PDB file of N, CA and C in Angstrom:
ATOM      1  N   MET A   1     105.946  68.768 116.311  1.00  0.00           N
ATOM      2  CA  MET A   1     107.014  69.729 116.504  1.00  0.00           C
ATOM      3  C   MET A   1     107.573  70.209 115.173  1.00  0.00           C
ATOM      4  N   VAL A   2     107.883  69.278 114.285  1.00  0.00           N
ATOM      5  CA  VAL A   2     108.438  69.664 112.989  1.00  0.00           C
ATOM      6  C   VAL A   2     107.397  70.420 112.181  1.00  0.00           C
ATOM      7  N   LEU A   3     106.139  69.977 112.271  1.00  0.00           N
ATOM      8  CA  LEU A   3     105.071  70.640 111.533  1.00  0.00           C
ATOM      9  C   LEU A   3     104.881  72.075 112.005  1.00  0.00           C
ATOM     10  N   ASN A   4     104.971  72.298 113.303  1.00  0.00           N
ATOM     11  CA  ASN A   4     104.842  73.658 113.838  1.00  0.00           C
ATOM     12  C   ASN A   4     105.964  74.565 113.337  1.00  0.00           C
ATOM     13  N   LYS A   5     107.190  74.016 113.239  1.00  0.00           N
ATOM     14  CA  LYS A   5     108.306  74.815 112.725  1.00  0.00           C
ATOM     15  C   LYS A   5     108.096  75.145 111.255  1.00  0.00           C
ATOM     16  N   LEU A   6     107.602  74.175 110.474  1.00  0.00           N
ATOM     17  CA  LEU A   6     107.354  74.424 109.057  1.00  0.00           C
ATOM     18  C   LEU A   6     106.264  75.476 108.865  1.00  0.00           C
ATOM     19  N   ILE A   7     105.232  75.425 109.685  1.00  0.00           N
ATOM     20  CA  ILE A   7     104.170  76.429 109.599  1.00  0.00           C
ATOM     21  C   ILE A   7     104.712  77.810 109.953  1.00  0.00           C
ATOM     22  N   SER A   8     105.558  77.880 110.968  1.00  0.00           N
ATOM     23  CA  SER A   8     106.153  79.164 111.358  1.00  0.00           C
ATOM     24  C   SER A   8     107.053  79.712 110.252  1.00  0.00           C
ATOM     25  N   ILE A   9     107.859  78.846 109.639  1.00  0.00           N
ATOM     26  CA  ILE A   9     108.743  79.277 108.561  1.00  0.00           C
ATOM     27  C   ILE A   9     107.918  79.745 107.362  1.00  0.00           C
ATOM     28  N   GLY A  10     106.884  79.001 107.006  1.00  0.00           N
ATOM     29  CA  GLY A  10     106.027  79.385 105.887  1.00  0.00           C
ATOM     30  C   GLY A  10     105.330  80.709 106.119  1.00  0.00           C
ATOM     31  N   THR A  11     104.851  80.926 107.332  1.00  0.00           N
ATOM     32  CA  THR A  11     104.188  82.188 107.662  1.00  0.00           C
ATOM     33  C   THR A  11     105.174  83.352 107.601  1.00  0.00           C
ATOM     34  N   ALA A  12     106.380  83.128 108.100  1.00  0.00           N
ATOM     35  CA  ALA A  12     107.397  84.175 108.058  1.00  0.00           C
ATOM     36  C   ALA A  12     107.762  84.518 106.616  1.00  0.00           C
ATOM     37  N   LEU A  13     107.912  83.506 105.758  1.00  0.00           N
ATOM     38  CA  LEU A  13     108.223  83.762 104.347  1.00  0.00           C
ATOM     39  C   LEU A  13     107.088  84.493 103.645  1.00  0.00           C
ATOM     40  N   LEU A  14     105.864  84.166 103.997  1.00  0.00           N
ATOM     41  CA  LEU A  14     104.708  84.855 103.417  1.00  0.00           C
ATOM     42  C   LEU A  14     104.724  86.329 103.782  1.00  0.00           C
ATOM     43  N   PHE A  15     104.932  86.634 105.049  1.00  0.00           N
ATOM     44  CA  PHE A  15     104.985  88.028 105.477  1.00  0.00           C
ATOM     45  C   PHE A  15     106.175  88.757 104.867  1.00  0.00           C
ATOM     46  N   LEU A  16     107.317  88.083 104.748  1.00  0.00           N
ATOM     47  CA  LEU A  16     108.486  88.691 104.127  1.00  0.00           C
ATOM     48  C   LEU A  16     108.196  89.039 102.670  1.00  0.00           C
ATOM     49  N   GLY A  17     107.516  88.157 101.952  1.00  0.00           N
ATOM     50  CA  GLY A  17     107.152  88.433 100.569  1.00  0.00           C
ATOM     51  C   GLY A  17     106.227  89.621 100.441  1.00  0.00           C
ATOM     52  N   VAL A  18     105.243  89.717 101.323  1.00  0.00           N
ATOM     53  CA  VAL A  18     104.313  90.849 101.288  1.00  0.00           C
ATOM     54  C   VAL A  18     105.054  92.151 101.591  1.00  0.00           C
ATOM     55  N   ILE A  19     105.955  92.118 102.548  1.00  0.00           N
ATOM     56  CA  ILE A  19     106.723  93.313 102.896  1.00  0.00           C
ATOM     57  C   ILE A  19     107.615  93.740 101.727  1.00  0.00           C
ATOM     58  N   LEU A  20     108.261  92.771 101.054  1.00  0.00           N
ATOM     59  CA  LEU A  20     109.115  93.109  99.917  1.00  0.00           C
ATOM     60  C   LEU A  20     108.310  93.699  98.760  1.00  0.00           C
ATOM     61  N   ILE A  21     107.119  93.165  98.507  1.00  0.00           N
ATOM     62  CA  ILE A  21     106.257  93.733  97.463  1.00  0.00           C
ATOM     63  C   ILE A  21     105.853  95.158  97.821  1.00  0.00           C
ATOM     64  N   PHE A  22     105.519  95.385  99.081  1.00  0.00           N
ATOM     65  CA  PHE A  22     105.134  96.716  99.541  1.00  0.00           C
ATOM     66  C   PHE A  22     106.290  97.701  99.385  1.00  0.00           C
ATOM     67  N   ILE A  23     107.490  97.302  99.801  1.00  0.00           N
ATOM     68  CA  ILE A  23     108.661  98.174  99.679  1.00  0.00           C
ATOM     69  C   ILE A  23     108.969  98.455  98.211  1.00  0.00           C
ATOM     70  N   GLY A  24     108.868  97.435  97.358  1.00  0.00           N
ATOM     71  CA  GLY A  24     109.125  97.624  95.939  1.00  0.00           C
ATOM     72  C   GLY A  24     108.137  98.572  95.284  1.00  0.00           C
ATOM     73  N   SER A  25     106.878  98.482  95.683  1.00  0.00           N
ATOM     74  CA  SER A  25     105.891  99.388  95.095  1.00  0.00           C
ATOM     75  C   SER A  25     106.105 100.822  95.565  1.00  0.00           C
ATOM     76  N   ILE A  26     106.517 100.999  96.794  1.00  0.00           N
ATOM     77  CA  ILE A  26     106.801 102.354  97.283  1.00  0.00           C
ATOM     78  C   ILE A  26     108.026 102.931  96.581  1.00  0.00           C
ATOM     79  N   LEU A  27     109.078 102.136  96.428  1.00  0.00           N
ATOM     80  CA  LEU A  27     110.290 102.627  95.771  1.00  0.00           C
ATOM     81  C   LEU A  27     110.050 102.928  94.295  1.00  0.00           C
ATOM     82  N   SER A  28     109.157 102.195  93.657  1.00  0.00           N
ATOM     83  CA  SER A  28     108.903 102.446  92.239  1.00  0.00           C
ATOM     84  C   SER A  28     108.130 103.741  92.014  1.00  0.00           C
ATOM     85  N   THR A  29     107.447 104.239  93.025  1.00  0.00           N
ATOM     86  CA  THR A  29     106.730 105.507  92.871  1.00  0.00           C
ATOM     87  C   THR A  29     107.685 106.699  92.841  1.00  0.00           C
ATOM     88  N   PHE A  30     108.904 106.535  93.340  1.00  0.00           N
ATOM     89  CA  PHE A  30     109.867 107.629  93.365  1.00  0.00           C
ATOM     90  C   PHE A  30     110.683 107.740  92.091  1.00  0.00           C
ATOM     91  N   LYS A  31     110.472 106.843  91.131  1.00  0.00           N
ATOM     92  CA  LYS A  31     111.183 106.938  89.861  1.00  0.00           C
ATOM     93  C   LYS A  31     110.654 108.138  89.081  1.00  0.00           C
ATOM     94  N   SER A  32     111.543 108.805  88.348  1.00  0.00           N
ATOM     95  CA  SER A  32     111.136 109.998  87.613  1.00  0.00           C
ATOM     96  C   SER A  32     110.468 109.662  86.286  1.00  0.00           C
ATOM     97  N   GLU A  33     110.760 108.500  85.724  1.00  0.00           N
ATOM     98  CA  GLU A  33     110.185 108.141  84.431  1.00  0.00           C
ATOM     99  C   GLU A  33     108.798 107.519  84.618  1.00  0.00           C
ATOM    100  N   LYS A  34     108.011 107.647  83.595  1.00  0.00           N
ATOM    101  CA  LYS A  34     106.657 107.100  83.652  1.00  0.00           C
ATOM    102  C   LYS A  34     106.723 105.597  83.389  1.00  0.00           C
ATOM    103  N   PRO A  35     106.199 104.787  84.282  1.00  0.00           N
ATOM    104  CA  PRO A  35     106.280 103.340  84.095  1.00  0.00           C
ATOM    105  C   PRO A  35     105.317 102.860  83.007  1.00  0.00           C
ATOM    106  N   ASN A  36     105.714 101.831  82.303  1.00  0.00           N
ATOM    107  CA  ASN A  36     104.886 101.215  81.286  1.00  0.00           C
ATOM    108  C   ASN A  36     104.256  99.970  81.912  1.00  0.00           C
ATOM    109  N   VAL A  37     103.087 100.132  82.471  1.00  0.00           N
ATOM    110  CA  VAL A  37     102.434  99.054  83.201  1.00  0.00           C
ATOM    111  C   VAL A  37     101.390  98.403  82.313  1.00  0.00           C
ATOM    112  N   LYS A  38     101.467  97.090  82.222  1.00  0.00           N
ATOM    113  CA  LYS A  38     100.475  96.312  81.489  1.00  0.00           C
ATOM    114  C   LYS A  38      99.832  95.356  82.483  1.00  0.00           C
ATOM    115  N   SER A  39      98.544  95.125  82.296  1.00  0.00           N
ATOM    116  CA  SER A  39      97.875  94.231  83.224  1.00  0.00           C
ATOM    117  C   SER A  39      96.918  93.322  82.477  1.00  0.00           C
ATOM    118  N   ALA A  40      96.695  92.173  83.067  1.00  0.00           N
ATOM    119  CA  ALA A  40      95.733  91.221  82.530  1.00  0.00           C
ATOM    120  C   ALA A  40      95.297  90.328  83.676  1.00  0.00           C
ATOM    121  N   GLY A  41      94.111  89.823  83.580  1.00  0.00           N
ATOM    122  CA  GLY A  41      93.621  88.943  84.623  1.00  0.00           C
ATOM    123  C   GLY A  41      92.492  88.084  84.120  1.00  0.00           C
ATOM    124  N   ILE A  42      92.265  86.998  84.839  1.00  0.00           N
ATOM    125  CA  ILE A  42      91.184  86.096  84.481  1.00  0.00           C
ATOM    126  C   ILE A  42      90.571  85.550  85.760  1.00  0.00           C
ATOM    127  N   ILE A  43      89.266  85.440  85.744  1.00  0.00           N
ATOM    128  CA  ILE A  43      88.528  84.881  86.873  1.00  0.00           C
ATOM    129  C   ILE A  43      87.658  83.759  86.320  1.00  0.00           C
ATOM    130  N   PHE A  44      87.722  82.618  86.961  1.00  0.00           N
ATOM    131  CA  PHE A  44      86.872  81.501  86.576  1.00  0.00           C
ATOM    132  C   PHE A  44      85.737  81.380  87.574  1.00  0.00           C
ATOM    133  N   ILE A  45      84.527  81.366  87.076  1.00  0.00           N
ATOM    134  CA  ILE A  45      83.357  81.057  87.894  1.00  0.00           C
ATOM    135  C   ILE A  45      82.794  79.768  87.312  1.00  0.00           C
ATOM    136  N   GLY A  46      83.149  78.674  87.982  1.00  0.00           N
ATOM    137  CA  GLY A  46      82.844  77.367  87.413  1.00  0.00           C
ATOM    138  C   GLY A  46      83.694  77.188  86.177  1.00  0.00           C
ATOM    139  N   PRO A  47      83.124  76.705  85.091  1.00  0.00           N
ATOM    140  CA  PRO A  47      83.910  76.548  83.865  1.00  0.00           C
ATOM    141  C   PRO A  47      83.921  77.792  82.980  1.00  0.00           C
ATOM    142  N   PHE A  48      83.310  78.892  83.436  1.00  0.00           N
ATOM    143  CA  PHE A  48      83.177  80.089  82.611  1.00  0.00           C
ATOM    144  C   PHE A  48      84.242  81.120  82.968  1.00  0.00           C
ATOM    145  N   PRO A  49      85.094  81.480  81.995  1.00  0.00           N
ATOM    146  CA  PRO A  49      86.142  82.470  82.276  1.00  0.00           C
ATOM    147  C   PRO A  49      85.680  83.898  81.980  1.00  0.00           C
ATOM    148  N   PHE A  50      86.125  84.823  82.799  1.00  0.00           N
ATOM    149  CA  PHE A  50      85.922  86.244  82.585  1.00  0.00           C
ATOM    150  C   PHE A  50      87.296  86.892  82.683  1.00  0.00           C
ATOM    151  N   GLY A  51      87.703  87.633  81.649  1.00  0.00           N
ATOM    152  CA  GLY A  51      89.044  88.180  81.665  1.00  0.00           C
ATOM    153  C   GLY A  51      89.116  89.581  81.119  1.00  0.00           C
ATOM    154  N   TRP A  52      90.263  90.207  81.347  1.00  0.00           N
ATOM    155  CA  TRP A  52      90.523  91.545  80.834  1.00  0.00           C
ATOM    156  C   TRP A  52      92.024  91.666  80.572  1.00  0.00           C
ATOM    157  N   ALA A  53      92.387  92.574  79.697  1.00  0.00           N
ATOM    158  CA  ALA A  53      93.794  92.831  79.395  1.00  0.00           C
ATOM    159  C   ALA A  53      93.942  94.253  78.876  1.00  0.00           C
ATOM    160  N   SER A  54      95.098  94.847  79.127  1.00  0.00           N
ATOM    161  CA  SER A  54      95.344  96.216  78.679  1.00  0.00           C
ATOM    162  C   SER A  54      96.256  96.264  77.456  1.00  0.00           C
ATOM    163  N   ASP A  55      96.662  95.099  76.967  1.00  0.00           N
ATOM    164  CA  ASP A  55      97.582  95.051  75.840  1.00  0.00           C
ATOM    165  C   ASP A  55      97.168  93.908  74.919  1.00  0.00           C
ATOM    166  N   LYS A  56      97.346  94.091  73.631  1.00  0.00           N
ATOM    167  CA  LYS A  56      96.927  93.075  72.666  1.00  0.00           C
ATOM    168  C   LYS A  56      97.716  91.772  72.846  1.00  0.00           C
ATOM    169  N   GLY A  57      99.012  91.887  73.065  1.00  0.00           N
ATOM    170  CA  GLY A  57      99.846  90.700  73.275  1.00  0.00           C
ATOM    171  C   GLY A  57      99.446  89.941  74.530  1.00  0.00           C
ATOM    172  N   MET A  58      99.164  90.680  75.579  1.00  0.00           N
ATOM    173  CA  MET A  58      98.737  90.034  76.823  1.00  0.00           C
ATOM    174  C   MET A  58      97.367  89.396  76.655  1.00  0.00           C
ATOM    175  N   PHE A  59      96.526  90.001  75.830  1.00  0.00           N
ATOM    176  CA  PHE A  59      95.206  89.440  75.577  1.00  0.00           C
ATOM    177  C   PHE A  59      95.330  88.063  74.929  1.00  0.00           C
ATOM    178  N   TYR A  60      96.199  87.955  73.923  1.00  0.00           N
ATOM    179  CA  TYR A  60      96.368  86.662  73.255  1.00  0.00           C
ATOM    180  C   TYR A  60      96.998  85.632  74.189  1.00  0.00           C
ATOM    181  N   THR A  61      97.931  86.059  75.012  1.00  0.00           N
ATOM    182  CA  THR A  61      98.519  85.156  75.998  1.00  0.00           C
ATOM    183  C   THR A  61      97.457  84.681  76.981  1.00  0.00           C
ATOM    184  N   LEU A  62      96.591  85.583  77.406  1.00  0.00           N
ATOM    185  CA  LEU A  62      95.518  85.236  78.325  1.00  0.00           C
ATOM    186  C   LEU A  62      94.534  84.254  77.695  1.00  0.00           C
ATOM    187  N   ILE A  63      94.250  84.426  76.414  1.00  0.00           N
ATOM    188  CA  ILE A  63      93.358  83.504  75.719  1.00  0.00           C
ATOM    189  C   ILE A  63      93.964  82.104  75.689  1.00  0.00           C
ATOM    190  N   ILE A  64      95.255  81.983  75.409  1.00  0.00           N
ATOM    191  CA  ILE A  64      95.923  80.680  75.382  1.00  0.00           C
ATOM    192  C   ILE A  64      95.900  80.034  76.759  1.00  0.00           C
ATOM    193  N   ILE A  65      96.205  80.811  77.796  1.00  0.00           N
ATOM    194  CA  ILE A  65      96.175  80.274  79.161  1.00  0.00           C
ATOM    195  C   ILE A  65      94.763  79.843  79.529  1.00  0.00           C
ATOM    196  N   THR A  66      93.767  80.616  79.121  1.00  0.00           N
ATOM    197  CA  THR A  66      92.371  80.273  79.404  1.00  0.00           C
ATOM    198  C   THR A  66      91.985  78.963  78.742  1.00  0.00           C
ATOM    199  N   ILE A  67      92.374  78.769  77.502  1.00  0.00           N
ATOM    200  CA  ILE A  67      92.045  77.526  76.802  1.00  0.00           C
ATOM    201  C   ILE A  67      92.713  76.336  77.474  1.00  0.00           C
ATOM    202  N   ILE A  68      93.972  76.483  77.870  1.00  0.00           N
ATOM    203  CA  ILE A  68      94.674  75.403  78.562  1.00  0.00           C
ATOM    204  C   ILE A  68      93.996  75.082  79.885  1.00  0.00           C
ATOM    205  N   MET A  69      93.613  76.121  80.633  1.00  0.00           N
ATOM    206  CA  MET A  69      92.958  75.889  81.926  1.00  0.00           C
ATOM    207  C   MET A  69      91.582  75.263  81.755  1.00  0.00           C
ATOM    208  N   LEU A  70      90.849  75.647  80.724  1.00  0.00           N
ATOM    209  CA  LEU A  70      89.547  75.031  80.466  1.00  0.00           C
ATOM    210  C   LEU A  70      89.693  73.550  80.110  1.00  0.00           C
ATOM    211  N   ILE A  71      90.702  73.214  79.313  1.00  0.00           N
ATOM    212  CA  ILE A  71      90.942  71.808  78.976  1.00  0.00           C
ATOM    213  C   ILE A  71      91.272  71.011  80.234  1.00  0.00           C
ATOM    214  N   ILE A  72      92.132  71.555  81.078  1.00  0.00           N
ATOM    215  CA  ILE A  72      92.473  70.877  82.333  1.00  0.00           C
ATOM    216  C   ILE A  72      91.237  70.730  83.213  1.00  0.00           C
ATOM    217  N   TYR A  73      90.415  71.773  83.284  1.00  0.00           N
ATOM    218  CA  TYR A  73      89.199  71.711  84.094  1.00  0.00           C
ATOM    219  C   TYR A  73      88.284  70.593  83.616  1.00  0.00           C
ATOM    220  N   PHE A  74      88.040  70.538  82.315  1.00  0.00           N
ATOM    221  CA  PHE A  74      87.126  69.529  81.792  1.00  0.00           C
ATOM    222  C   PHE A  74      87.707  68.124  81.896  1.00  0.00           C
ATOM    223  N   LEU A  75      89.028  67.973  81.836  1.00  0.00           N
ATOM    224  CA  LEU A  75      89.624  66.655  82.004  1.00  0.00           C
ATOM    225  C   LEU A  75      89.555  66.183  83.454  1.00  0.00           C
ATOM    226  N   LEU A  76      89.736  67.102  84.380  1.00  0.00           N
ATOM    227  CA  LEU A  76      89.730  66.709  85.800  1.00  0.00           C
ATOM    228  C   LEU A  76      88.336  66.530  86.377  1.00  0.00           C
ATOM    229  N   PHE A  77      87.381  67.303  85.914  1.00  0.00           N
ATOM    230  CA  PHE A  77      86.065  67.293  86.529  1.00  0.00           C
ATOM    231  C   PHE A  77      84.957  66.749  85.628  1.00  0.00           C
ATOM    232  N   ARG A  78      85.333  65.987  84.627  1.00  0.00           N
ATOM    233  CA  ARG A  78      84.277  65.409  83.778  1.00  0.00           C
ATOM    234  C   ARG A  78      83.636  64.241  84.518  1.00  0.00           C
ATOM    235  N   ARG A  79      82.390  63.995  84.199  1.00  0.00           N
ATOM    236  CA  ARG A  79      81.655  62.909  84.837  1.00  0.00           C
ATOM    237  C   ARG A  79      81.486  61.786  83.837  1.00  0.00           C
ATOM    238  N   PHE A  80      81.688  60.589  84.317  1.00  0.00           N
ATOM    239  CA  PHE A  80      81.572  59.424  83.437  1.00  0.00           C
ATOM    240  C   PHE A  80      80.173  58.892  83.413  1.00  0.00           C
TER     241      PHE A  80
END
């Protein structure tokens, strides 16, 4: 019973978050000024990272995060 309520609450919060993101993106399109959007991302396929960035600062931040994640990966999944 308690687990079912927690699942329902979690699902409702998930949908609420998606709706708020959708509303925020629609409202931001009506602004008259041009937005300064920067993006960066990283995808790991096994231990190999593939990333992209649209800004030099974000690129360096992404490199640091990638190195930290690779260290964590090798510490957790190393074989003795």
